[in-house]
Amino acid sequence: MKLTYALLKKCQADLEMFALSTKDKQAKQVYEKDAEHLQRVIDQVKPFLTQ
């Protein structure tokens, strides 16, 4: 389960990096929104994945 948690964190970090690296404003907004949404999901499942 810890591997799943680490993978989710990596995906969230990747979305943040994509948002920082793109010049397209619309893509930046999508990446930022998706990173925030994934972070909320991670926060919800963290207790189950880090036991």
PDB file of N, CA and C in Angstrom:
ATOM      1  N   MET A   1       0.808  -1.195   0.000  1.00  0.00           N
ATOM      2  CA  MET A   1       0.000   0.000   0.000  1.00  0.00           C
ATOM      3  C   MET A   1       0.856   1.267   0.000  1.00  0.00           C
ATOM      4  N   LYS A   2       2.018   1.193   0.625  1.00  0.00           N
ATOM      5  CA  LYS A   2       2.884   2.374   0.641  1.00  0.00           C
ATOM      6  C   LYS A   2       3.359   2.720  -0.767  1.00  0.00           C
ATOM      7  N   LEU A   3       3.526   1.713  -1.602  1.00  0.00           N
ATOM      8  CA  LEU A   3       3.923   1.955  -2.988  1.00  0.00           C
ATOM      9  C   LEU A   3       2.815   2.708  -3.734  1.00  0.00           C
ATOM     10  N   THR A   4       1.579   2.337  -3.485  1.00  0.00           N
ATOM     11  CA  THR A   4       0.450   3.038  -4.104  1.00  0.00           C
ATOM     12  C   THR A   4       0.431   4.499  -3.677  1.00  0.00           C
ATOM     13  N   TYR A   5       0.652   4.743  -2.386  1.00  0.00           N
ATOM     14  CA  TYR A   5       0.695   6.113  -1.870  1.00  0.00           C
ATOM     15  C   TYR A   5       1.823   6.894  -2.542  1.00  0.00           C
ATOM     16  N   ALA A   6       2.994   6.300  -2.638  1.00  0.00           N
ATOM     17  CA  ALA A   6       4.137   6.971  -3.262  1.00  0.00           C
ATOM     18  C   ALA A   6       3.856   7.273  -4.733  1.00  0.00           C
ATOM     19  N   LEU A   7       3.221   6.360  -5.422  1.00  0.00           N
ATOM     20  CA  LEU A   7       2.892   6.573  -6.834  1.00  0.00           C
ATOM     21  C   LEU A   7       1.883   7.715  -7.009  1.00  0.00           C
ATOM     22  N   LEU A   8       0.898   7.763  -6.135  1.00  0.00           N
ATOM     23  CA  LEU A   8      -0.071   8.864  -6.195  1.00  0.00           C
ATOM     24  C   LEU A   8       0.613  10.207  -5.959  1.00  0.00           C
ATOM     25  N   LYS A   9       1.531  10.256  -4.993  1.00  0.00           N
ATOM     26  CA  LYS A   9       2.264  11.493  -4.712  1.00  0.00           C
ATOM     27  C   LYS A   9       3.121  11.896  -5.909  1.00  0.00           C
ATOM     28  N   LYS A  10       3.729  10.909  -6.568  1.00  0.00           N
ATOM     29  CA  LYS A  10       4.546  11.196  -7.747  1.00  0.00           C
ATOM     30  C   LYS A  10       3.680  11.771  -8.864  1.00  0.00           C
ATOM     31  N   CYS A  11       2.522  11.183  -9.079  1.00  0.00           N
ATOM     32  CA  CYS A  11       1.616  11.682 -10.123  1.00  0.00           C
ATOM     33  C   CYS A  11       1.177  13.110  -9.822  1.00  0.00           C
ATOM     34  N   GLN A  12       0.896  13.389  -8.564  1.00  0.00           N
ATOM     35  CA  GLN A  12       0.490  14.741  -8.173  1.00  0.00           C
ATOM     36  C   GLN A  12       1.634  15.726  -8.401  1.00  0.00           C
ATOM     37  N   ALA A  13       2.845  15.322  -8.056  1.00  0.00           N
ATOM     38  CA  ALA A  13       4.014  16.178  -8.278  1.00  0.00           C
ATOM     39  C   ALA A  13       4.256  16.388  -9.775  1.00  0.00           C
ATOM     40  N   ASP A  14       4.052  15.348 -10.563  1.00  0.00           N
ATOM     41  CA  ASP A  14       4.204  15.480 -12.021  1.00  0.00           C
ATOM     42  C   ASP A  14       3.219  16.509 -12.581  1.00  0.00           C
ATOM     43  N   LEU A  15       1.984  16.474 -12.106  1.00  0.00           N
ATOM     44  CA  LEU A  15       0.998  17.450 -12.569  1.00  0.00           C
ATOM     45  C   LEU A  15       1.432  18.870 -12.220  1.00  0.00           C
ATOM     46  N   GLU A  16       1.980  19.046 -11.025  1.00  0.00           N
ATOM     47  CA  GLU A  16       2.472  20.375 -10.641  1.00  0.00           C
ATOM     48  C   GLU A  16       3.633  20.809 -11.537  1.00  0.00           C
ATOM     49  N   MET A  17       4.517  19.874 -11.865  1.00  0.00           N
ATOM     50  CA  MET A  17       5.649  20.200 -12.743  1.00  0.00           C
ATOM     51  C   MET A  17       5.164  20.548 -14.150  1.00  0.00           C
ATOM     52  N   PHE A  18       4.179  19.810 -14.646  1.00  0.00           N
ATOM     53  CA  PHE A  18       3.623  20.123 -15.963  1.00  0.00           C
ATOM     54  C   PHE A  18       3.026  21.530 -15.958  1.00  0.00           C
ATOM     55  N   ALA A  19       2.326  21.873 -14.882  1.00  0.00           N
ATOM     56  CA  ALA A  19       1.728  23.209 -14.777  1.00  0.00           C
ATOM     57  C   ALA A  19       2.801  24.287 -14.795  1.00  0.00           C
ATOM     58  N   LEU A  20       3.917  24.027 -14.132  1.00  0.00           N
ATOM     59  CA  LEU A  20       4.996  25.014 -14.092  1.00  0.00           C
ATOM     60  C   LEU A  20       5.742  25.119 -15.420  1.00  0.00           C
ATOM     61  N   SER A  21       5.779  24.030 -16.163  1.00  0.00           N
ATOM     62  CA  SER A  21       6.618  24.010 -17.363  1.00  0.00           C
ATOM     63  C   SER A  21       5.889  24.426 -18.644  1.00  0.00           C
ATOM     64  N   THR A  22       4.561  24.460 -18.617  1.00  0.00           N
ATOM     65  CA  THR A  22       3.835  24.815 -19.837  1.00  0.00           C
ATOM     66  C   THR A  22       3.640  26.326 -19.946  1.00  0.00           C
ATOM     67  N   LYS A  23       3.604  26.788 -21.176  1.00  0.00           N
ATOM     68  CA  LYS A  23       3.337  28.204 -21.433  1.00  0.00           C
ATOM     69  C   LYS A  23       1.863  28.428 -21.797  1.00  0.00           C
ATOM     70  N   ASP A  24       1.168  27.339 -22.092  1.00  0.00           N
ATOM     71  CA  ASP A  24      -0.249  27.401 -22.457  1.00  0.00           C
ATOM     72  C   ASP A  24      -1.086  27.644 -21.193  1.00  0.00           C
ATOM     73  N   LYS A  25      -1.761  28.780 -21.138  1.00  0.00           N
ATOM     74  CA  LYS A  25      -2.508  29.159 -19.935  1.00  0.00           C
ATOM     75  C   LYS A  25      -3.632  28.183 -19.618  1.00  0.00           C
ATOM     76  N   GLN A  26      -4.312  27.712 -20.663  1.00  0.00           N
ATOM     77  CA  GLN A  26      -5.413  26.778 -20.437  1.00  0.00           C
ATOM     78  C   GLN A  26      -4.887  25.444 -19.904  1.00  0.00           C
ATOM     79  N   ALA A  27      -3.805  24.948 -20.480  1.00  0.00           N
ATOM     80  CA  ALA A  27      -3.213  23.699 -20.005  1.00  0.00           C
ATOM     81  C   ALA A  27      -2.728  23.862 -18.569  1.00  0.00           C
ATOM     82  N   LYS A  28      -2.128  25.012 -18.261  1.00  0.00           N
ATOM     83  CA  LYS A  28      -1.640  25.288 -16.907  1.00  0.00           C
ATOM     84  C   LYS A  28      -2.783  25.188 -15.900  1.00  0.00           C
ATOM     85  N   GLN A  29      -3.930  25.777 -16.240  1.00  0.00           N
ATOM     86  CA  GLN A  29      -5.087  25.737 -15.345  1.00  0.00           C
ATOM     87  C   GLN A  29      -5.582  24.308 -15.143  1.00  0.00           C
ATOM     88  N   VAL A  30      -5.600  23.540 -16.220  1.00  0.00           N
ATOM     89  CA  VAL A  30      -6.047  22.149 -16.131  1.00  0.00           C
ATOM     90  C   VAL A  30      -5.100  21.350 -15.240  1.00  0.00           C
ATOM     91  N   TYR A  31      -3.797  21.487 -15.460  1.00  0.00           N
ATOM     92  CA  TYR A  31      -2.820  20.767 -14.638  1.00  0.00           C
ATOM     93  C   TYR A  31      -2.928  21.164 -13.171  1.00  0.00           C
ATOM     94  N   GLU A  32      -3.074  22.457 -12.907  1.00  0.00           N
ATOM     95  CA  GLU A  32      -3.179  22.923 -11.521  1.00  0.00           C
ATOM     96  C   GLU A  32      -4.438  22.385 -10.850  1.00  0.00           C
ATOM     97  N   LYS A  33      -5.555  22.429 -11.574  1.00  0.00           N
ATOM     98  CA  LYS A  33      -6.819  21.923 -11.028  1.00  0.00           C
ATOM     99  C   LYS A  33      -6.730  20.424 -10.760  1.00  0.00           C
ATOM    100  N   ASP A  34      -6.149  19.691 -11.695  1.00  0.00           N
ATOM    101  CA  ASP A  34      -6.017  18.246 -11.522  1.00  0.00           C
ATOM    102  C   ASP A  34      -5.061  17.906 -10.379  1.00  0.00           C
ATOM    103  N   ALA A  35      -3.993  18.674 -10.221  1.00  0.00           N
ATOM    104  CA  ALA A  35      -3.052  18.451  -9.120  1.00  0.00           C
ATOM    105  C   ALA A  35      -3.746  18.679  -7.779  1.00  0.00           C
ATOM    106  N   GLU A  36      -4.556  19.725  -7.699  1.00  0.00           N
ATOM    107  CA  GLU A  36      -5.293  20.004  -6.467  1.00  0.00           C
ATOM    108  C   GLU A  36      -6.304  18.897  -6.171  1.00  0.00           C
ATOM    109  N   HIS A  37      -6.995  18.453  -7.202  1.00  0.00           N
ATOM    110  CA  HIS A  37      -7.986  17.386  -7.019  1.00  0.00           C
ATOM    111  C   HIS A  37      -7.304  16.099  -6.566  1.00  0.00           C
ATOM    112  N   LEU A  38      -6.207  15.748  -7.204  1.00  0.00           N
ATOM    113  CA  LEU A  38      -5.493  14.534  -6.818  1.00  0.00           C
ATOM    114  C   LEU A  38      -4.969  14.655  -5.390  1.00  0.00           C
ATOM    115  N   GLN A  39      -4.534  15.837  -4.977  1.00  0.00           N
ATOM    116  CA  GLN A  39      -4.063  16.023  -3.603  1.00  0.00           C
ATOM    117  C   GLN A  39      -5.195  15.777  -2.610  1.00  0.00           C
ATOM    118  N   ARG A  40      -6.402  16.224  -2.941  1.00  0.00           N
ATOM    119  CA  ARG A  40      -7.553  15.968  -2.057  1.00  0.00           C
ATOM    120  C   ARG A  40      -7.832  14.467  -1.959  1.00  0.00           C
ATOM    121  N   VAL A  41      -7.730  13.766  -3.076  1.00  0.00           N
ATOM    122  CA  VAL A  41      -7.924  12.313  -3.070  1.00  0.00           C
ATOM    123  C   VAL A  41      -6.849  11.651  -2.212  1.00  0.00           C
ATOM    124  N   ILE A  42      -5.603  12.066  -2.384  1.00  0.00           N
ATOM    125  CA  ILE A  42      -4.497  11.510  -1.599  1.00  0.00           C
ATOM    126  C   ILE A  42      -4.747  11.730  -0.111  1.00  0.00           C
ATOM    127  N   ASP A  43      -5.174  12.934   0.247  1.00  0.00           N
ATOM    128  CA  ASP A  43      -5.453  13.234   1.657  1.00  0.00           C
ATOM    129  C   ASP A  43      -6.532  12.316   2.220  1.00  0.00           C
ATOM    130  N   GLN A  44      -7.512  11.970   1.404  1.00  0.00           N
ATOM    131  CA  GLN A  44      -8.605  11.111   1.858  1.00  0.00           C
ATOM    132  C   GLN A  44      -8.174   9.657   2.023  1.00  0.00           C
ATOM    133  N   VAL A  45      -7.329   9.165   1.133  1.00  0.00           N
ATOM    134  CA  VAL A  45      -6.959   7.744   1.181  1.00  0.00           C
ATOM    135  C   VAL A  45      -5.673   7.485   1.967  1.00  0.00           C
ATOM    136  N   LYS A  46      -4.958   8.531   2.329  1.00  0.00           N
ATOM    137  CA  LYS A  46      -3.681   8.374   3.032  1.00  0.00           C
ATOM    138  C   LYS A  46      -3.784   7.472   4.269  1.00  0.00           C
ATOM    139  N   PRO A  47      -4.803   7.636   5.120  1.00  0.00           N
ATOM    140  CA  PRO A  47      -4.870   6.765   6.303  1.00  0.00           C
ATOM    141  C   PRO A  47      -4.938   5.272   5.958  1.00  0.00           C
ATOM    142  N   PHE A  48      -5.520   4.959   4.828  1.00  0.00           N
ATOM    143  CA  PHE A  48      -5.657   3.561   4.428  1.00  0.00           C
ATOM    144  C   PHE A  48      -4.387   3.020   3.767  1.00  0.00           C
ATOM    145  N   LEU A  49      -3.609   3.907   3.171  1.00  0.00           N
ATOM    146  CA  LEU A  49      -2.436   3.477   2.413  1.00  0.00           C
ATOM    147  C   LEU A  49      -1.144   3.511   3.219  1.00  0.00           C
ATOM    148  N   THR A  50      -1.146   4.157   4.366  1.00  0.00           N
ATOM    149  CA  THR A  50       0.099   4.295   5.129  1.00  0.00           C
ATOM    150  C   THR A  50       0.070   3.516   6.439  1.00  0.00           C
ATOM    151  N   GLN A  51      -0.839   2.587   6.560  1.00  0.00           N
ATOM    152  CA  GLN A  51      -0.916   1.780   7.788  1.00  0.00           C
ATOM    153  C   GLN A  51       0.191   0.764   7.835  1.00  0.00           C
TER     154      GLN A  51
END
